[in-house]
Amino acid sequence: MKAFCIAILVICMPLATAFAQSPETGATAAQQAEALFEPSRDLLDVKLAVDAMVDPSMNTVAVKSMIDRMAAEIAAMAGKDGDSTTKLAALKRYLYESGAWNNNKPFQYDLDDPLGMKPANRLLQRYLTIRRGNCITMPILFLALGQRVGLTMTLAEAPLHVFIKYTDDAGKVWNLEPTSGGGAVRDDWYRQKLPMSDQAVANGIYLRALSHQEAVAVIASFLVERDIGKGQFENALAVSDVLLRHYPNFAYGLVKKGSVYSGLLRRELAGKYTRLEDIPPELKVKADQWYGRNMEAFAKAEALGWRPQDGQIQ
């Protein structure tokens, strides 16, 4: 009961009205999320599938065709026998330098929305169209093109940020920052600009090359954010469970799962009851469970080294 009383105090912020969803809806969302983890899917395919779930008007075939064409042009710039250094230089030139290859319209960092807070700006198709991206779309395009020309790349996380881990022909691993011309960046730079705890780094939630499954979970977290924003908390919870099953130490995913339970509490209680005794017994039980799971999700993230202030730009 004490936990529930605390829950009443923390849900004073109103939320836009949302309709409760059936278990079938959540099950469908979970099935769609699970399908993203099929081993045959590369990260571009995963990103395009996620974007199409968020915005069904997305033309995934056209986007993939455009990226394949871009990769072919980068490969031609690098030459038939180009090594990894030559290919990387061609990739960066193609994206970030003005020239006939990009119609003198290089890709740039969108300083008006650097974190991709506007959902439309998280769509890869929009990035390709307006050529202004963020710390989600820019690394994913960089990765997709790099992999297609034979470069060894994967994603990595910093607080509220995604970047590239690249392995050169000699086996040396580099951090590449697609929001800054694809330049090489040291771990210390990320730690200075996007503060994170030593514990978080030691536990690998930041600055570590992600496995394919982990990278899929990071890309698919867009679905959780979309569902939270629409008040579709059952869907968000179902998708969160799938992502965390594949990436148990996904701190950002744990935080979002905790936020889902906060959303459920607000939706079911905020502005509806002025006294604890007015709340129906069944709802009291549910609310107490939601509050406990909210606390559990945040506690797991904090045990990994996540902190609420992570990523506050210095």
Protein backbone atom coordinates (compact mmCIF):
# COMPACT_ATOMS: atom_id res chain seq x y z
CA MET A 1 0.00 0.00 0.00
CA LYS A 2 2.86 2.38 0.70
CA ALA A 3 4.13 1.99 -2.85
CA PHE A 4 0.68 2.74 -4.22
CA CYS A 5 0.35 5.88 -2.11
CA ILE A 6 3.65 7.10 -3.53
CA ALA A 7 2.35 6.31 -7.01
CA ILE A 8 -0.61 8.63 -6.46
CA LEU A 9 1.80 11.47 -5.75
CA VAL A 10 3.89 11.04 -8.88
CA ILE A 11 1.12 11.00 -11.48
CA CYS A 12 -0.15 14.54 -11.17
CA MET A 13 0.89 15.49 -14.71
CA PRO A 14 -2.06 15.14 -17.13
CA LEU A 15 -1.78 13.09 -20.31
CA ALA A 16 -3.75 13.29 -23.53
CA THR A 17 -6.75 10.97 -23.52
CA ALA A 18 -5.98 7.52 -24.91
CA PHE A 19 -8.12 4.44 -25.33
CA ALA A 20 -7.14 1.18 -23.68
CA GLN A 21 -6.01 -1.45 -26.16
CA SER A 22 -6.87 -5.11 -26.35
CA PRO A 23 -4.28 -7.81 -25.60
CA GLU A 24 -4.46 -8.78 -29.29
CA THR A 25 -3.14 -5.36 -30.29
CA GLY A 26 -0.17 -5.70 -27.97
CA ALA A 27 0.43 -9.24 -29.24
CA THR A 28 0.50 -8.01 -32.84
CA ALA A 29 2.99 -5.29 -31.91
CA ALA A 30 5.18 -7.90 -30.22
CA GLN A 31 5.06 -10.18 -33.28
CA GLN A 32 6.05 -7.32 -35.57
CA ALA A 33 8.93 -6.39 -33.28
CA GLU A 34 10.12 -9.99 -33.02
CA ALA A 35 10.21 -10.28 -36.81
CA LEU A 36 12.81 -7.51 -36.91
CA PHE A 37 15.32 -9.85 -35.25
CA GLU A 38 15.31 -12.43 -38.05
CA PRO A 39 19.01 -13.13 -38.79
CA SER A 40 18.52 -12.63 -42.54
CA ARG A 41 17.63 -8.95 -42.09
CA ASP A 42 20.42 -6.40 -42.27
CA LEU A 43 20.23 -3.17 -40.27
CA LEU A 44 19.04 -1.10 -43.24
CA ASP A 45 16.15 -3.51 -43.76
CA VAL A 46 15.33 -3.27 -40.05
CA LYS A 47 15.39 0.53 -40.12
CA LEU A 48 13.16 0.69 -43.20
CA ALA A 49 10.70 -1.77 -41.63
CA VAL A 50 10.56 0.29 -38.42
CA ASP A 51 10.07 3.51 -40.37
CA ALA A 52 7.24 1.94 -42.35
CA MET A 53 5.51 0.92 -39.11
CA VAL A 54 5.77 4.49 -37.88
CA ASP A 55 4.76 6.04 -41.21
CA PRO A 56 3.02 3.64 -43.64
CA SER A 57 3.46 6.16 -46.47
CA MET A 58 7.18 5.34 -46.51
CA ASN A 59 8.39 4.00 -49.87
CA THR A 60 10.85 1.42 -48.61
CA VAL A 61 11.58 0.02 -52.07
CA ALA A 62 12.55 3.45 -53.39
CA VAL A 63 14.72 4.20 -50.35
CA LYS A 64 16.58 0.90 -50.63
CA SER A 65 17.07 1.42 -54.36
CA MET A 66 18.49 4.89 -53.73
CA ILE A 67 20.91 3.61 -51.10
CA ASP A 68 22.06 0.77 -53.36
CA ARG A 69 22.70 3.32 -56.13
CA MET A 70 24.62 5.56 -53.72
CA ALA A 71 26.74 2.61 -52.60
CA ALA A 72 27.56 1.74 -56.21
CA GLU A 73 28.69 5.32 -56.84
CA ILE A 74 30.86 5.30 -53.71
CA ALA A 75 32.44 2.01 -54.78
CA ALA A 76 33.22 3.51 -58.17
CA MET A 77 34.83 6.54 -56.51
CA ALA A 78 37.00 4.24 -54.38
CA GLY A 79 38.10 2.15 -57.35
CA LYS A 80 38.08 -1.58 -57.91
CA ASP A 81 41.11 -2.27 -55.73
CA GLY A 82 40.49 0.35 -53.05
CA ASP A 83 41.39 -0.65 -49.51
CA SER A 84 39.33 0.22 -46.43
CA THR A 85 41.01 3.61 -46.03
CA THR A 86 40.24 4.54 -49.64
CA LYS A 87 36.65 3.34 -49.36
CA LEU A 88 36.09 5.26 -46.14
CA ALA A 89 37.49 8.43 -47.70
CA ALA A 90 35.16 7.98 -50.68
CA LEU A 91 32.18 7.46 -48.38
CA LYS A 92 32.89 10.63 -46.42
CA ARG A 93 33.53 12.65 -49.56
CA TYR A 94 30.32 11.40 -51.18
CA LEU A 95 28.16 12.34 -48.21
CA TYR A 96 29.75 15.45 -46.81
CA GLU A 97 31.56 17.28 -49.63
CA SER A 98 29.78 19.21 -52.38
CA GLY A 99 30.11 17.71 -55.83
CA ALA A 100 28.31 16.38 -58.88
CA TRP A 101 27.79 13.06 -57.06
CA ASN A 102 25.38 14.70 -54.59
CA ASN A 103 24.15 17.55 -56.81
CA ASN A 104 26.24 19.93 -54.68
CA LYS A 105 23.91 19.25 -51.76
CA PRO A 106 25.95 17.45 -49.09
CA PHE A 107 24.35 15.81 -46.09
CA GLN A 108 24.44 17.97 -42.97
CA TYR A 109 23.70 17.80 -39.25
CA ASP A 110 20.29 19.29 -38.46
CA LEU A 111 21.11 21.76 -35.72
CA ASP A 112 17.41 22.57 -35.32
CA ASP A 113 16.68 18.99 -34.21
CA PRO A 114 20.01 17.26 -33.49
CA LEU A 115 18.49 14.48 -31.36
CA GLY A 116 15.65 13.71 -33.76
CA MET A 117 12.99 14.70 -31.26
CA LYS A 118 10.46 15.24 -34.05
CA PRO A 119 9.35 11.76 -35.19
CA ALA A 120 9.33 12.77 -38.86
CA ASN A 121 13.01 13.64 -38.62
CA ARG A 122 13.82 10.09 -37.50
CA LEU A 123 12.71 8.68 -40.86
CA LEU A 124 15.50 7.69 -43.21
CA GLN A 125 13.50 8.70 -46.27
CA ARG A 126 13.16 12.23 -44.94
CA TYR A 127 16.91 12.44 -44.29
CA LEU A 128 17.61 11.41 -47.87
CA THR A 129 15.15 14.02 -49.10
CA ILE A 130 16.06 17.09 -47.03
CA ARG A 131 19.71 16.06 -46.44
CA ARG A 132 19.66 17.23 -42.84
CA GLY A 133 19.96 14.47 -40.28
CA ASN A 134 20.42 13.68 -36.63
CA CYS A 135 22.26 11.26 -34.37
CA ILE A 136 19.97 8.43 -35.49
CA THR A 137 19.53 8.83 -39.25
CA MET A 138 23.10 9.94 -39.99
CA PRO A 139 24.85 6.91 -38.42
CA ILE A 140 22.38 4.47 -39.96
CA LEU A 141 22.87 5.81 -43.50
CA PHE A 142 26.65 5.92 -42.96
CA LEU A 143 26.57 2.30 -41.74
CA ALA A 144 24.34 1.06 -44.57
CA LEU A 145 26.56 2.61 -47.23
CA GLY A 146 29.77 1.55 -45.52
CA GLN A 147 28.69 -2.07 -45.23
CA ARG A 148 27.60 -2.10 -48.86
CA VAL A 149 31.06 -1.07 -50.06
CA GLY A 150 32.73 -3.69 -47.88
CA LEU A 151 33.64 -1.75 -44.74
CA THR A 152 33.40 -3.44 -41.34
CA MET A 153 31.06 -1.28 -39.28
CA THR A 154 28.52 -1.55 -36.52
CA LEU A 155 26.62 0.82 -34.26
CA ALA A 156 27.59 1.96 -30.78
CA GLU A 157 25.82 4.05 -28.15
CA ALA A 158 26.65 7.07 -26.08
CA PRO A 159 23.97 8.75 -23.94
CA LEU A 160 21.14 9.88 -26.25
CA HIS A 161 23.45 9.30 -29.21
CA VAL A 162 24.45 6.65 -31.75
CA PHE A 163 27.76 6.50 -33.61
CA ILE A 164 29.88 4.08 -35.65
CA LYS A 165 32.50 1.53 -34.64
CA TYR A 166 34.70 0.86 -37.68
CA THR A 167 37.42 -1.78 -38.02
CA ASP A 168 40.12 -1.04 -40.60
CA ASP A 169 42.10 -3.56 -42.67
CA ALA A 170 44.73 -3.80 -39.92
CA GLY A 171 42.12 -4.74 -37.33
CA LYS A 172 42.21 -1.41 -35.51
CA VAL A 173 38.83 -0.20 -34.21
CA TRP A 174 37.87 3.45 -34.61
CA ASN A 175 34.98 5.59 -33.45
CA LEU A 176 33.50 7.50 -36.39
CA GLU A 177 31.11 10.41 -35.90
CA PRO A 178 28.71 10.73 -38.86
CA THR A 179 27.24 13.97 -37.48
CA SER A 180 30.69 15.53 -37.89
CA GLY A 181 31.82 14.49 -41.33
CA GLY A 182 32.51 10.89 -40.33
CA GLY A 183 35.67 11.93 -38.51
CA ALA A 184 37.50 9.77 -35.98
CA VAL A 185 36.67 10.53 -32.35
CA ARG A 186 38.24 9.23 -29.13
CA ASP A 187 36.19 7.72 -26.31
CA ASP A 188 37.34 10.57 -24.08
CA TRP A 189 35.68 13.09 -26.39
CA TYR A 190 32.31 11.35 -26.00
CA ARG A 191 32.78 11.17 -22.26
CA GLN A 192 33.50 14.88 -22.12
CA LYS A 193 30.67 16.01 -24.39
CA LEU A 194 28.03 13.47 -23.33
CA PRO A 195 28.67 12.71 -19.65
CA MET A 196 28.33 9.10 -18.53
CA SER A 197 29.40 7.17 -15.46
CA ASP A 198 32.46 4.94 -15.22
CA GLN A 199 30.10 2.15 -14.21
CA ALA A 200 28.07 2.55 -17.40
CA VAL A 201 31.19 2.31 -19.54
CA ALA A 202 32.50 -0.68 -17.56
CA ASN A 203 29.17 -2.45 -18.00
CA GLY A 204 29.20 -1.81 -21.73
CA ILE A 205 26.02 0.20 -22.03
CA TYR A 206 28.01 2.99 -23.71
CA LEU A 207 30.99 3.18 -26.10
CA ARG A 208 30.89 -0.52 -27.00
CA ALA A 209 30.38 -2.04 -30.44
CA LEU A 210 26.87 -3.47 -30.50
CA SER A 211 26.05 -6.95 -31.72
CA HIS A 212 23.57 -7.23 -34.57
CA GLN A 213 20.74 -8.12 -32.17
CA GLU A 214 21.57 -5.20 -29.90
CA ALA A 215 21.70 -2.78 -32.83
CA VAL A 216 18.28 -4.01 -33.97
CA ALA A 217 16.90 -3.28 -30.49
CA VAL A 218 18.33 0.25 -30.57
CA ILE A 219 16.80 0.94 -33.99
CA ALA A 220 13.45 -0.58 -32.98
CA SER A 221 13.22 1.57 -29.83
CA PHE A 222 11.70 4.17 -32.17
CA LEU A 223 8.53 2.05 -32.02
CA VAL A 224 8.40 2.31 -28.23
CA GLU A 225 8.84 6.08 -28.41
CA ARG A 226 6.11 6.31 -31.05
CA ASP A 227 3.66 4.30 -28.97
CA ILE A 228 4.39 6.26 -25.80
CA GLY A 229 3.83 9.49 -27.69
CA LYS A 230 0.46 8.24 -28.95
CA GLY A 231 -0.58 6.97 -25.52
CA GLN A 232 -0.58 3.36 -26.76
CA PHE A 233 1.10 2.02 -23.66
CA GLU A 234 0.10 -1.62 -24.08
CA ASN A 235 1.83 -1.68 -27.46
CA ALA A 236 4.86 0.11 -26.04
CA LEU A 237 5.12 -2.42 -23.23
CA ALA A 238 4.81 -5.39 -25.60
CA VAL A 239 7.55 -4.04 -27.87
CA SER A 240 9.78 -3.13 -24.90
CA ASP A 241 9.60 -6.70 -23.64
CA VAL A 242 10.74 -8.02 -27.03
CA LEU A 243 13.65 -5.58 -27.27
CA LEU A 244 14.84 -6.30 -23.74
CA ARG A 245 14.67 -10.03 -24.34
CA HIS A 246 17.19 -9.60 -27.15
CA TYR A 247 19.22 -6.88 -25.40
CA PRO A 248 18.77 -7.30 -21.62
CA ASN A 249 21.27 -4.55 -20.73
CA PHE A 250 19.67 -1.95 -22.99
CA ALA A 251 19.60 0.86 -20.42
CA TYR A 252 17.65 3.25 -22.63
CA GLY A 253 15.11 0.49 -23.26
CA LEU A 254 14.74 -0.11 -19.52
CA VAL A 255 14.15 3.60 -18.94
CA LYS A 256 11.51 3.67 -21.67
CA LYS A 257 9.83 0.62 -20.15
CA GLY A 258 9.70 2.42 -16.82
CA SER A 259 8.16 5.40 -18.59
CA VAL A 260 5.47 3.14 -20.06
CA TYR A 261 4.32 2.19 -16.57
CA SER A 262 4.28 5.87 -15.60
CA GLY A 263 2.07 6.50 -18.61
CA LEU A 264 -0.34 3.74 -17.60
CA LEU A 265 -0.62 5.24 -14.11
CA ARG A 266 -1.32 8.69 -15.49
CA ARG A 267 -3.86 7.43 -17.98
CA GLU A 268 -5.85 5.41 -15.48
CA LEU A 269 -5.64 7.67 -12.43
CA ALA A 270 -4.73 11.29 -13.19
CA GLY A 271 -7.69 13.61 -12.71
CA LYS A 272 -10.11 10.76 -12.06
CA TYR A 273 -9.87 10.20 -8.31
CA THR A 274 -9.38 12.68 -5.49
CA ARG A 275 -9.28 10.11 -2.69
CA LEU A 276 -7.46 6.81 -2.46
CA GLU A 277 -10.60 5.04 -1.24
CA ASP A 278 -12.46 6.06 -4.41
CA ILE A 279 -10.21 3.95 -6.62
CA PRO A 280 -11.76 0.57 -7.53
CA PRO A 281 -9.97 -2.33 -5.78
CA GLU A 282 -8.94 -4.05 -9.03
CA LEU A 283 -7.42 -0.83 -10.34
CA LYS A 284 -5.58 -0.31 -7.05
CA VAL A 285 -3.93 -3.71 -7.46
CA LYS A 286 -2.96 -2.95 -11.06
CA ALA A 287 -1.66 0.49 -10.20
CA ASP A 288 0.47 -0.86 -7.37
CA GLN A 289 1.93 -3.43 -9.78
CA TRP A 290 2.63 -0.76 -12.40
CA TYR A 291 4.35 1.43 -9.88
CA GLY A 292 6.49 -1.47 -8.68
CA ARG A 293 7.47 -2.35 -12.25
CA ASN A 294 8.25 1.28 -12.98
CA MET A 295 10.63 1.33 -10.01
CA GLU A 296 12.12 -2.02 -11.03
CA ALA A 297 12.88 -0.90 -14.59
CA PHE A 298 14.61 2.28 -13.46
CA ALA A 299 16.50 0.38 -10.75
CA LYS A 300 17.86 -2.06 -13.35
CA ALA A 301 19.00 0.82 -15.56
CA GLU A 302 20.67 2.55 -12.62
CA ALA A 303 22.39 -0.69 -11.59
CA LEU A 304 24.00 -0.73 -15.04
CA GLY A 305 25.31 2.78 -14.49
CA TRP A 306 22.60 4.81 -16.21
CA ARG A 307 21.84 8.18 -14.61
CA PRO A 308 19.02 10.65 -15.35
CA GLN A 309 21.58 13.30 -16.27
CA ASP A 310 23.36 11.09 -18.83
CA GLY A 311 23.97 12.87 -22.10
CA GLN A 312 23.31 16.39 -20.88
CA ILE A 313 25.53 18.20 -23.36
CA GLN A 314 28.40 20.12 -21.80
